[in-house]
PDB file of N, CA and C in Angstrom:
ATOM      1  N   MET A   1     -16.108  -1.142  -2.871  1.00  0.00           N
ATOM      2  CA  MET A   1     -13.921  -0.271  -2.271  1.00  0.00           C
ATOM      3  C   MET A   1     -13.903   0.391  -3.169  1.00  0.00           C
ATOM      4  N   GLU A   2     -13.516   1.731  -3.363  1.00  0.00           N
ATOM      5  CA  GLU A   2     -12.706   2.348  -3.715  1.00  0.00           C
ATOM      6  C   GLU A   2     -11.293   2.704  -3.033  1.00  0.00           C
ATOM      7  N   LEU A   3     -10.170   2.461  -3.826  1.00  0.00           N
ATOM      8  CA  LEU A   3      -9.115   2.012  -3.919  1.00  0.00           C
ATOM      9  C   LEU A   3      -7.427   3.423  -4.771  1.00  0.00           C
ATOM     10  N   ALA A   4      -7.126   3.300  -4.160  1.00  0.00           N
ATOM     11  CA  ALA A   4      -6.121   4.206  -4.129  1.00  0.00           C
ATOM     12  C   ALA A   4      -4.435   4.357  -5.046  1.00  0.00           C
ATOM     13  N   VAL A   5      -4.172   4.400  -5.708  1.00  0.00           N
ATOM     14  CA  VAL A   5      -2.421   4.382  -5.193  1.00  0.00           C
ATOM     15  C   VAL A   5      -1.636   5.393  -5.685  1.00  0.00           C
ATOM     16  N   LEU A   6      -1.091   5.597  -5.331  1.00  0.00           N
ATOM     17  CA  LEU A   6       0.485   7.121  -5.754  1.00  0.00           C
ATOM     18  C   LEU A   6       1.365   5.851  -6.107  1.00  0.00           C
ATOM     19  N   ALA A   7       2.399   5.617  -7.274  1.00  0.00           N
ATOM     20  CA  ALA A   7       3.007   5.206  -7.614  1.00  0.00           C
ATOM     21  C   ALA A   7       3.415   5.537  -8.578  1.00  0.00           C
ATOM     22  N   ASP A   8       4.583   5.161  -9.131  1.00  0.00           N
ATOM     23  CA  ASP A   8       5.006   5.008 -10.985  1.00  0.00           C
ATOM     24  C   ASP A   8       4.766   4.479 -11.702  1.00  0.00           C
ATOM     25  N   GLU A   9       5.014   4.838 -13.007  1.00  0.00           N
ATOM     26  CA  GLU A   9       4.073   4.967 -14.037  1.00  0.00           C
ATOM     27  C   GLU A   9       4.212   3.520 -14.006  1.00  0.00           C
ATOM     28  N   LEU A  10       5.113   2.194 -14.443  1.00  0.00           N
ATOM     29  CA  LEU A  10       4.561   1.230 -14.511  1.00  0.00           C
ATOM     30  C   LEU A  10       4.238   0.179 -13.370  1.00  0.00           C
ATOM     31  N   THR A  11       4.347   0.314 -11.857  1.00  0.00           N
ATOM     32  CA  THR A  11       3.878  -0.077 -10.873  1.00  0.00           C
ATOM     33  C   THR A  11       2.039   0.902 -11.347  1.00  0.00           C
ATOM     34  N   ALA A  12       2.061   1.477 -11.765  1.00  0.00           N
ATOM     35  CA  ALA A  12       0.552   2.192 -11.693  1.00  0.00           C
ATOM     36  C   ALA A  12      -0.108   1.134 -12.670  1.00  0.00           C
ATOM     37  N   VAL A  13       0.313   0.822 -13.628  1.00  0.00           N
ATOM     38  CA  VAL A  13      -0.482  -0.672 -14.935  1.00  0.00           C
ATOM     39  C   VAL A  13      -1.236  -1.120 -13.886  1.00  0.00           C
ATOM     40  N   GLY A  14      -0.625  -2.004 -12.811  1.00  0.00           N
ATOM     41  CA  GLY A  14      -1.271  -3.510 -12.631  1.00  0.00           C
ATOM     42  C   GLY A  14      -2.497  -3.016 -11.519  1.00  0.00           C
ATOM     43  N   TRP A  15      -2.681  -1.719 -11.020  1.00  0.00           N
ATOM     44  CA  TRP A  15      -3.843  -0.711 -10.117  1.00  0.00           C
ATOM     45  C   TRP A  15      -4.644  -0.355 -10.948  1.00  0.00           C
ATOM     46  N   ARG A  16      -4.000  -0.096 -12.371  1.00  0.00           N
ATOM     47  CA  ARG A  16      -5.480   0.528 -13.252  1.00  0.00           C
ATOM     48  C   ARG A  16      -6.153  -0.732 -13.751  1.00  0.00           C
ATOM     49  N   LEU A  17      -5.035  -1.915 -14.341  1.00  0.00           N
ATOM     50  CA  LEU A  17      -6.258  -2.805 -14.937  1.00  0.00           C
ATOM     51  C   LEU A  17      -6.986  -3.705 -13.148  1.00  0.00           C
ATOM     52  N   ALA A  18      -6.753  -3.501 -12.405  1.00  0.00           N
ATOM     53  CA  ALA A  18      -7.947  -3.851 -10.829  1.00  0.00           C
ATOM     54  C   ALA A  18      -8.386  -2.842 -10.428  1.00  0.00           C
ATOM     55  N   GLY A  19      -9.488  -1.647 -10.950  1.00  0.00           N
ATOM     56  CA  GLY A  19      -9.828  -0.198 -10.990  1.00  0.00           C
ATOM     57  C   GLY A  19      -9.191   0.106  -9.930  1.00  0.00           C
ATOM     58  N   ALA A  20      -7.767   0.196 -10.067  1.00  0.00           N
ATOM     59  CA  ALA A  20      -7.422   1.637  -8.359  1.00  0.00           C
ATOM     60  C   ALA A  20      -7.246   2.689  -9.704  1.00  0.00           C
ATOM     61  N   LYS A  21      -7.332   3.906  -8.214  1.00  0.00           N
ATOM     62  CA  LYS A  21      -7.569   4.847  -9.392  1.00  0.00           C
ATOM     63  C   LYS A  21      -6.639   5.364  -8.660  1.00  0.00           C
ATOM     64  N   VAL A  22      -5.339   5.699  -9.810  1.00  0.00           N
ATOM     65  CA  VAL A  22      -3.968   6.294  -9.518  1.00  0.00           C
ATOM     66  C   VAL A  22      -3.610   7.992  -9.587  1.00  0.00           C
ATOM     67  N   PHE A  23      -2.318   7.533  -9.135  1.00  0.00           N
ATOM     68  CA  PHE A  23      -2.602   9.213  -8.881  1.00  0.00           C
ATOM     69  C   PHE A  23      -0.813   8.382  -9.047  1.00  0.00           C
ATOM     70  N   LEU A  24       0.349   9.439 -10.641  1.00  0.00           N
ATOM     71  CA  LEU A  24       1.557   9.413 -10.541  1.00  0.00           C
ATOM     72  C   LEU A  24       1.704  10.563 -10.554  1.00  0.00           C
ATOM     73  N   PRO A  25       2.349  11.339  -9.230  1.00  0.00           N
ATOM     74  CA  PRO A  25       2.826  12.588  -8.335  1.00  0.00           C
ATOM     75  C   PRO A  25       4.764  12.715  -8.965  1.00  0.00           C
ATOM     76  N   ALA A  26       4.294  13.897  -9.399  1.00  0.00           N
ATOM     77  CA  ALA A  26       5.713  14.010  -9.603  1.00  0.00           C
ATOM     78  C   ALA A  26       6.328  14.104  -7.611  1.00  0.00           C
ATOM     79  N   HIS A  27       7.936  13.901  -7.783  1.00  0.00           N
ATOM     80  CA  HIS A  27       8.173  14.037  -6.303  1.00  0.00           C
ATOM     81  C   HIS A  27       7.355  14.986  -4.661  1.00  0.00           C
ATOM     82  N   GLU A  28       7.113  16.763  -5.632  1.00  0.00           N
ATOM     83  CA  GLU A  28       7.409  17.708  -5.149  1.00  0.00           C
ATOM     84  C   GLU A  28       5.908  18.431  -4.694  1.00  0.00           C
ATOM     85  N   ASN A  29       4.838  16.710  -4.985  1.00  0.00           N
ATOM     86  CA  ASN A  29       3.429  17.152  -4.898  1.00  0.00           C
ATOM     87  C   ASN A  29       2.977  15.694  -4.537  1.00  0.00           C
ATOM     88  N   VAL A  30       3.813  14.611  -4.393  1.00  0.00           N
ATOM     89  CA  VAL A  30       3.238  13.607  -3.385  1.00  0.00           C
ATOM     90  C   VAL A  30       2.576  13.511  -2.231  1.00  0.00           C
ATOM     91  N   ALA A  31       3.062  14.901  -1.280  1.00  0.00           N
ATOM     92  CA  ALA A  31       2.018  15.139  -0.134  1.00  0.00           C
ATOM     93  C   ALA A  31       0.732  15.224  -0.270  1.00  0.00           C
ATOM     94  N   ALA A  32       0.212  16.608  -1.383  1.00  0.00           N
ATOM     95  CA  ALA A  32      -0.671  16.928  -1.587  1.00  0.00           C
ATOM     96  C   ALA A  32      -1.826  15.979  -2.451  1.00  0.00           C
ATOM     97  N   CYS A  33      -0.968  14.780  -2.897  1.00  0.00           N
ATOM     98  CA  CYS A  33      -1.813  13.533  -4.567  1.00  0.00           C
ATOM     99  C   CYS A  33      -1.983  12.232  -2.888  1.00  0.00           C
ATOM    100  N   LEU A  34      -0.946  13.133  -1.836  1.00  0.00           N
ATOM    101  CA  LEU A  34      -1.430  11.524  -0.537  1.00  0.00           C
ATOM    102  C   LEU A  34      -3.193  12.388   0.236  1.00  0.00           C
ATOM    103  N   GLN A  35      -3.138  13.578   0.133  1.00  0.00           N
ATOM    104  CA  GLN A  35      -3.844  13.665   0.945  1.00  0.00           C
ATOM    105  C   GLN A  35      -5.341  14.338  -0.096  1.00  0.00           C
ATOM    106  N   THR A  36      -5.367  13.656  -1.383  1.00  0.00           N
ATOM    107  CA  THR A  36      -6.385  13.665  -1.698  1.00  0.00           C
ATOM    108  C   THR A  36      -7.494  12.150  -2.234  1.00  0.00           C
ATOM    109  N   ALA A  37      -5.763  11.238  -2.311  1.00  0.00           N
ATOM    110  CA  ALA A  37      -6.340   9.897  -1.655  1.00  0.00           C
ATOM    111  C   ALA A  37      -6.849  10.011  -0.481  1.00  0.00           C
ATOM    112  N   LEU A  38      -6.807  10.903   0.018  1.00  0.00           N
ATOM    113  CA  LEU A  38      -6.575   9.545   1.732  1.00  0.00           C
ATOM    114  C   LEU A  38      -8.092  10.237   2.003  1.00  0.00           C
ATOM    115  N   GLN A  39      -8.842  11.464   0.613  1.00  0.00           N
ATOM    116  CA  GLN A  39     -10.102  12.120   1.144  1.00  0.00           C
ATOM    117  C   GLN A  39     -10.770  11.165   0.601  1.00  0.00           C
ATOM    118  N   GLN A  40     -10.744   9.692  -0.823  1.00  0.00           N
ATOM    119  CA  GLN A  40     -11.222   9.903  -1.775  1.00  0.00           C
ATOM    120  C   GLN A  40     -11.216   8.234  -1.598  1.00  0.00           C
ATOM    121  N   ALA A  41     -10.514   7.444  -0.998  1.00  0.00           N
ATOM    122  CA  ALA A  41     -10.568   6.027  -0.386  1.00  0.00           C
ATOM    123  C   ALA A  41     -10.613   5.434   0.393  1.00  0.00           C
ATOM    124  N   GLN A  42     -11.102   4.741   0.145  1.00  0.00           N
ATOM    125  CA  GLN A  42     -10.707   3.448   1.903  1.00  0.00           C
ATOM    126  C   GLN A  42      -9.670   3.174   1.427  1.00  0.00           C
ATOM    127  N   VAL A  43      -9.232   2.707   0.568  1.00  0.00           N
ATOM    128  CA  VAL A  43      -7.801   1.722   1.071  1.00  0.00           C
ATOM    129  C   VAL A  43      -6.576   3.202   0.203  1.00  0.00           C
ATOM    130  N   VAL A  44      -5.271   2.669   0.802  1.00  0.00           N
ATOM    131  CA  VAL A  44      -4.063   3.978   0.268  1.00  0.00           C
ATOM    132  C   VAL A  44      -2.858   3.576  -0.157  1.00  0.00           C
ATOM    133  N   LEU A  45      -2.405   2.960  -1.190  1.00  0.00           N
ATOM    134  CA  LEU A  45      -1.636   2.700  -1.039  1.00  0.00           C
ATOM    135  C   LEU A  45      -0.304   3.282  -1.869  1.00  0.00           C
ATOM    136  N   VAL A  46       1.084   3.238  -1.365  1.00  0.00           N
ATOM    137  CA  VAL A  46       2.143   4.556  -1.659  1.00  0.00           C
ATOM    138  C   VAL A  46       3.337   3.505  -1.548  1.00  0.00           C
ATOM    139  N   THR A  47       4.126   4.152  -3.346  1.00  0.00           N
ATOM    140  CA  THR A  47       4.934   3.298  -3.295  1.00  0.00           C
ATOM    141  C   THR A  47       6.318   3.023  -2.355  1.00  0.00           C
ATOM    142  N   ALA A  48       6.827   2.909  -1.748  1.00  0.00           N
ATOM    143  CA  ALA A  48       7.756   3.862  -0.744  1.00  0.00           C
ATOM    144  C   ALA A  48       9.113   4.535  -1.086  1.00  0.00           C
ATOM    145  N   GLU A  49       9.212   4.072  -2.695  1.00  0.00           N
ATOM    146  CA  GLU A  49       9.778   5.765  -3.410  1.00  0.00           C
ATOM    147  C   GLU A  49       8.934   6.639  -3.128  1.00  0.00           C
ATOM    148  N   LEU A  50       7.995   6.552  -3.391  1.00  0.00           N
ATOM    149  CA  LEU A  50       6.843   7.793  -3.179  1.00  0.00           C
ATOM    150  C   LEU A  50       7.237   8.491  -1.421  1.00  0.00           C
ATOM    151  N   ALA A  51       6.659   7.279  -0.765  1.00  0.00           N
ATOM    152  CA  ALA A  51       6.167   7.738   0.947  1.00  0.00           C
ATOM    153  C   ALA A  51       7.641   8.104   1.415  1.00  0.00           C
ATOM    154  N   ALA A  52       8.935   8.290   0.739  1.00  0.00           N
ATOM    155  CA  ALA A  52      10.175   8.607   1.126  1.00  0.00           C
ATOM    156  C   ALA A  52       9.683   9.991   0.779  1.00  0.00           C
ATOM    157  N   ALA A  53       9.201  10.602  -0.179  1.00  0.00           N
ATOM    158  CA  ALA A  53       9.024  12.472  -0.600  1.00  0.00           C
ATOM    159  C   ALA A  53       8.037  13.326   0.342  1.00  0.00           C
ATOM    160  N   VAL A  54       7.435  12.538   1.216  1.00  0.00           N
ATOM    161  CA  VAL A  54       6.491  13.068   2.124  1.00  0.00           C
ATOM    162  C   VAL A  54       7.169  13.533   3.147  1.00  0.00           C
ATOM    163  N   PRO A  55       6.365  14.446   3.779  1.00  0.00           N
ATOM    164  CA  PRO A  55       6.807  15.012   5.393  1.00  0.00           C
ATOM    165  C   PRO A  55       6.328  13.392   6.249  1.00  0.00           C
ATOM    166  N   LEU A  56       7.926  13.090   7.170  1.00  0.00           N
ATOM    167  CA  LEU A  56       7.828  12.296   7.844  1.00  0.00           C
ATOM    168  C   LEU A  56       6.063  12.166   8.694  1.00  0.00           C
ATOM    169  N   GLU A  57       6.414  13.320   9.098  1.00  0.00           N
ATOM    170  CA  GLU A  57       4.832  13.260  10.215  1.00  0.00           C
ATOM    171  C   GLU A  57       3.728  12.946   9.134  1.00  0.00           C
ATOM    172  N   GLN A  58       3.373  14.088   8.296  1.00  0.00           N
ATOM    173  CA  GLN A  58       2.356  13.112   7.304  1.00  0.00           C
ATOM    174  C   GLN A  58       1.876  11.839   7.259  1.00  0.00           C
ATOM    175  N   LEU A  59       3.235  11.250   7.095  1.00  0.00           N
ATOM    176  CA  LEU A  59       3.449  10.260   6.743  1.00  0.00           C
ATOM    177  C   LEU A  59       2.527   8.902   7.423  1.00  0.00           C
ATOM    178  N   GLU A  60       2.698   9.919   8.800  1.00  0.00           N
ATOM    179  CA  GLU A  60       2.510   8.627  10.145  1.00  0.00           C
ATOM    180  C   GLU A  60       1.922   8.162  10.306  1.00  0.00           C
ATOM    181  N   ALA A  61       0.944   9.897  10.648  1.00  0.00           N
ATOM    182  CA  ALA A  61      -0.271   9.592  10.410  1.00  0.00           C
ATOM    183  C   ALA A  61      -1.336   9.849   9.746  1.00  0.00           C
ATOM    184  N   ALA A  62      -0.524   9.686   8.905  1.00  0.00           N
ATOM    185  CA  ALA A  62      -1.690   8.811   7.022  1.00  0.00           C
ATOM    186  C   ALA A  62      -1.823   7.051   7.137  1.00  0.00           C
ATOM    187  N   LEU A  63      -0.062   6.235   7.714  1.00  0.00           N
ATOM    188  CA  LEU A  63      -0.101   5.140   8.419  1.00  0.00           C
ATOM    189  C   LEU A  63      -1.250   4.463   9.233  1.00  0.00           C
ATOM    190  N   ILE A  64      -0.936   5.345  10.777  1.00  0.00           N
ATOM    191  CA  ILE A  64      -1.515   5.353  12.155  1.00  0.00           C
ATOM    192  C   ILE A  64      -3.207   5.233  11.820  1.00  0.00           C
ATOM    193  N   GLY A  65      -3.552   6.845  11.348  1.00  0.00           N
ATOM    194  CA  GLY A  65      -5.437   7.118  10.494  1.00  0.00           C
ATOM    195  C   GLY A  65      -5.773   5.877  10.406  1.00  0.00           C
ATOM    196  N   PHE A  66      -7.056   5.398  10.883  1.00  0.00           N
ATOM    197  CA  PHE A  66      -7.816   4.226  10.082  1.00  0.00           C
ATOM    198  C   PHE A  66      -9.120   5.011  10.358  1.00  0.00           C
ATOM    199  N   PRO A  67     -10.216   5.379   9.064  1.00  0.00           N
ATOM    200  CA  PRO A  67      -9.805   4.792   7.762  1.00  0.00           C
ATOM    201  C   PRO A  67      -9.501   6.441   7.066  1.00  0.00           C
ATOM    202  N   PRO A  68      -9.007   5.833   6.070  1.00  0.00           N
ATOM    203  CA  PRO A  68      -8.553   5.051   5.639  1.00  0.00           C
ATOM    204  C   PRO A  68      -7.310   3.583   6.377  1.00  0.00           C
ATOM    205  N   LEU A  69      -7.458   2.596   5.179  1.00  0.00           N
ATOM    206  CA  LEU A  69      -5.898   2.065   5.535  1.00  0.00           C
ATOM    207  C   LEU A  69      -5.069   2.902   4.847  1.00  0.00           C
ATOM    208  N   THR A  70      -3.588   2.723   4.973  1.00  0.00           N
ATOM    209  CA  THR A  70      -2.687   2.927   4.512  1.00  0.00           C
ATOM    210  C   THR A  70      -1.812   2.401   4.639  1.00  0.00           C
ATOM    211  N   LEU A  71      -1.534   1.328   3.587  1.00  0.00           N
ATOM    212  CA  LEU A  71       0.364   0.845   3.195  1.00  0.00           C
ATOM    213  C   LEU A  71       1.245   1.626   2.599  1.00  0.00           C
ATOM    214  N   VAL A  72       2.629   1.482   3.009  1.00  0.00           N
ATOM    215  CA  VAL A  72       3.795   1.439   1.729  1.00  0.00           C
ATOM    216  C   VAL A  72       3.915  -0.042   1.392  1.00  0.00           C
ATOM    217  N   ILE A  73       3.661   0.243  -0.608  1.00  0.00           N
ATOM    218  CA  ILE A  73       4.291  -1.055  -1.164  1.00  0.00           C
ATOM    219  C   ILE A  73       5.710  -1.001  -1.455  1.00  0.00           C
ATOM    220  N   PRO A  74       6.288  -1.684  -1.971  1.00  0.00           N
ATOM    221  CA  PRO A  74       7.043  -2.360  -2.830  1.00  0.00           C
ATOM    222  C   PRO A  74       6.623  -1.803  -4.233  1.00  0.00           C
ATOM    223  N   ASP A  75       7.287  -0.850  -5.377  1.00  0.00           N
ATOM    224  CA  ASP A  75       7.027  -0.447  -6.332  1.00  0.00           C
ATOM    225  C   ASP A  75       8.248  -1.798  -7.506  1.00  0.00           C
ATOM    226  N   LEU A  76       7.320  -2.220  -8.583  1.00  0.00           N
ATOM    227  CA  LEU A  76       8.098  -2.977  -9.637  1.00  0.00           C
ATOM    228  C   LEU A  76       9.092  -3.646  -9.728  1.00  0.00           C
ATOM    229  N   ARG A  77       9.912  -2.314  -9.811  1.00  0.00           N
ATOM    230  CA  ARG A  77      11.343  -1.651 -10.301  1.00  0.00           C
ATOM    231  C   ARG A  77      12.507  -1.909  -8.791  1.00  0.00           C
ATOM    232  N   HIS A  78      11.225  -2.174  -7.679  1.00  0.00           N
ATOM    233  CA  HIS A  78      12.262  -2.550  -6.133  1.00  0.00           C
ATOM    234  C   HIS A  78      13.314  -1.465  -6.144  1.00  0.00           C
ATOM    235  N   ILE A  79      13.376  -0.002  -5.746  1.00  0.00           N
ATOM    236  CA  ILE A  79      14.196   0.778  -6.183  1.00  0.00           C
ATOM    237  C   ILE A  79      14.527   1.313  -4.455  1.00  0.00           C
ATOM    238  N   ARG A  80      13.222   0.992  -3.806  1.00  0.00           N
ATOM    239  CA  ARG A  80      13.230   1.080  -2.349  1.00  0.00           C
ATOM    240  C   ARG A  80      11.728   0.258  -1.946  1.00  0.00           C
ATOM    241  N   GLU A  81      12.415   0.064  -0.426  1.00  0.00           N
ATOM    242  CA  GLU A  81      11.401  -1.336  -0.319  1.00  0.00           C
ATOM    243  C   GLU A  81      10.939  -0.611   1.587  1.00  0.00           C
ATOM    244  N   PRO A  82       9.558  -0.887   1.179  1.00  0.00           N
ATOM    245  CA  PRO A  82       9.245   0.240   2.773  1.00  0.00           C
ATOM    246  C   PRO A  82       9.557  -1.247   3.844  1.00  0.00           C
ATOM    247  N   ALA A  83       9.332  -0.445   4.805  1.00  0.00           N
ATOM    248  CA  ALA A  83       9.817  -1.183   6.377  1.00  0.00           C
ATOM    249  C   ALA A  83       9.818  -2.284   6.239  1.00  0.00           C
ATOM    250  N   ASP A  84      10.524  -3.637   7.140  1.00  0.00           N
ATOM    251  CA  ASP A  84       9.724  -4.624   7.690  1.00  0.00           C
ATOM    252  C   ASP A  84       9.547  -4.476   8.853  1.00  0.00           C
ATOM    253  N   LEU A  85       7.662  -4.422   8.487  1.00  0.00           N
ATOM    254  CA  LEU A  85       7.673  -3.954   9.880  1.00  0.00           C
ATOM    255  C   LEU A  85       7.409  -5.970  10.989  1.00  0.00           C
ATOM    256  N   GLU A  86       7.281  -7.042   9.802  1.00  0.00           N
ATOM    257  CA  GLU A  86       6.999  -7.720  11.237  1.00  0.00           C
ATOM    258  C   GLU A  86       9.118  -7.880  11.456  1.00  0.00           C
ATOM    259  N   ALA A  87       9.470  -7.910  11.795  1.00  0.00           N
ATOM    260  CA  ALA A  87      11.149  -7.745  11.318  1.00  0.00           C
ATOM    261  C   ALA A  87      11.391  -6.746  12.447  1.00  0.00           C
ATOM    262  N   GLN A  88      10.470  -5.852  12.079  1.00  0.00           N
ATOM    263  CA  GLN A  88      10.375  -4.301  13.836  1.00  0.00           C
ATOM    264  C   GLN A  88       9.537  -5.441  15.045  1.00  0.00           C
ATOM    265  N   ALA A  89       8.856  -5.699  14.261  1.00  0.00           N
ATOM    266  CA  ALA A  89       7.945  -5.869  15.821  1.00  0.00           C
ATOM    267  C   ALA A  89       8.790  -7.257  16.755  1.00  0.00           C
ATOM    268  N   ARG A  90       8.622  -7.862  15.793  1.00  0.00           N
ATOM    269  CA  ARG A  90       9.803  -9.016  16.112  1.00  0.00           C
ATOM    270  C   ARG A  90      10.792  -9.273  16.998  1.00  0.00           C
ATOM    271  N   ARG A  91      11.643  -7.443  16.767  1.00  0.00           N
ATOM    272  CA  ARG A  91      12.397  -6.623  17.654  1.00  0.00           C
ATOM    273  C   ARG A  91      12.095  -5.896  18.869  1.00  0.00           C
ATOM    274  N   ALA A  92      11.308  -6.037  19.001  1.00  0.00           N
ATOM    275  CA  ALA A  92      10.248  -4.698  20.169  1.00  0.00           C
ATOM    276  C   ALA A  92      10.457  -6.410  20.923  1.00  0.00           C
ATOM    277  N   LEU A  93       9.454  -7.184  20.556  1.00  0.00           N
ATOM    278  CA  LEU A  93       9.068  -7.741  21.776  1.00  0.00           C
ATOM    279  C   LEU A  93      10.867  -8.742  21.802  1.00  0.00           C
ATOM    280  N   GLY A  94      11.691  -8.544  21.491  1.00  0.00           N
ATOM    281  CA  GLY A  94      12.355  -9.507  21.586  1.00  0.00           C
ATOM    282  C   GLY A  94      12.528 -11.312  21.550  1.00  0.00           C
ATOM    283  N   VAL A  95      11.515 -11.432  20.219  1.00  0.00           N
ATOM    284  CA  VAL A  95      11.841 -12.988  19.997  1.00  0.00           C
ATOM    285  C   VAL A  95      12.310 -12.855  18.880  1.00  0.00           C
ATOM    286  N   PRO A  96      13.295 -13.880  18.480  1.00  0.00           N
ATOM    287  CA  PRO A  96      14.372 -14.336  17.661  1.00  0.00           C
ATOM    288  C   PRO A  96      13.714 -14.428  16.162  1.00  0.00           C
ATOM    289  N   ALA A  97      14.307 -13.760  15.160  1.00  0.00           N
ATOM    290  CA  ALA A  97      13.580 -14.276  13.419  1.00  0.00           C
ATOM    291  C   ALA A  97      13.331 -15.595  13.077  1.00  0.00           C
TER     292      ALA A  97
END
């Protein structure tokens, strides 16, 4: 399985050890790197900090589209956290937390 990760340098270290193809884009290049990763991998992980630099339409298309499976993950420094999908789903369904 091909795994691609868009991350900061610190977060990328562990993913490299796990065999992932790692992208370390500057904020102005995140959208282009995401497109490349989507074409090359079966699973694409993007840290929440870098995901914030992708135009919302493009990010939503990547998250909804399948394949590849695309997920937003936290980085090791926890600068920005991904959305809590479980909490959002519970609110939408009216299920107490």
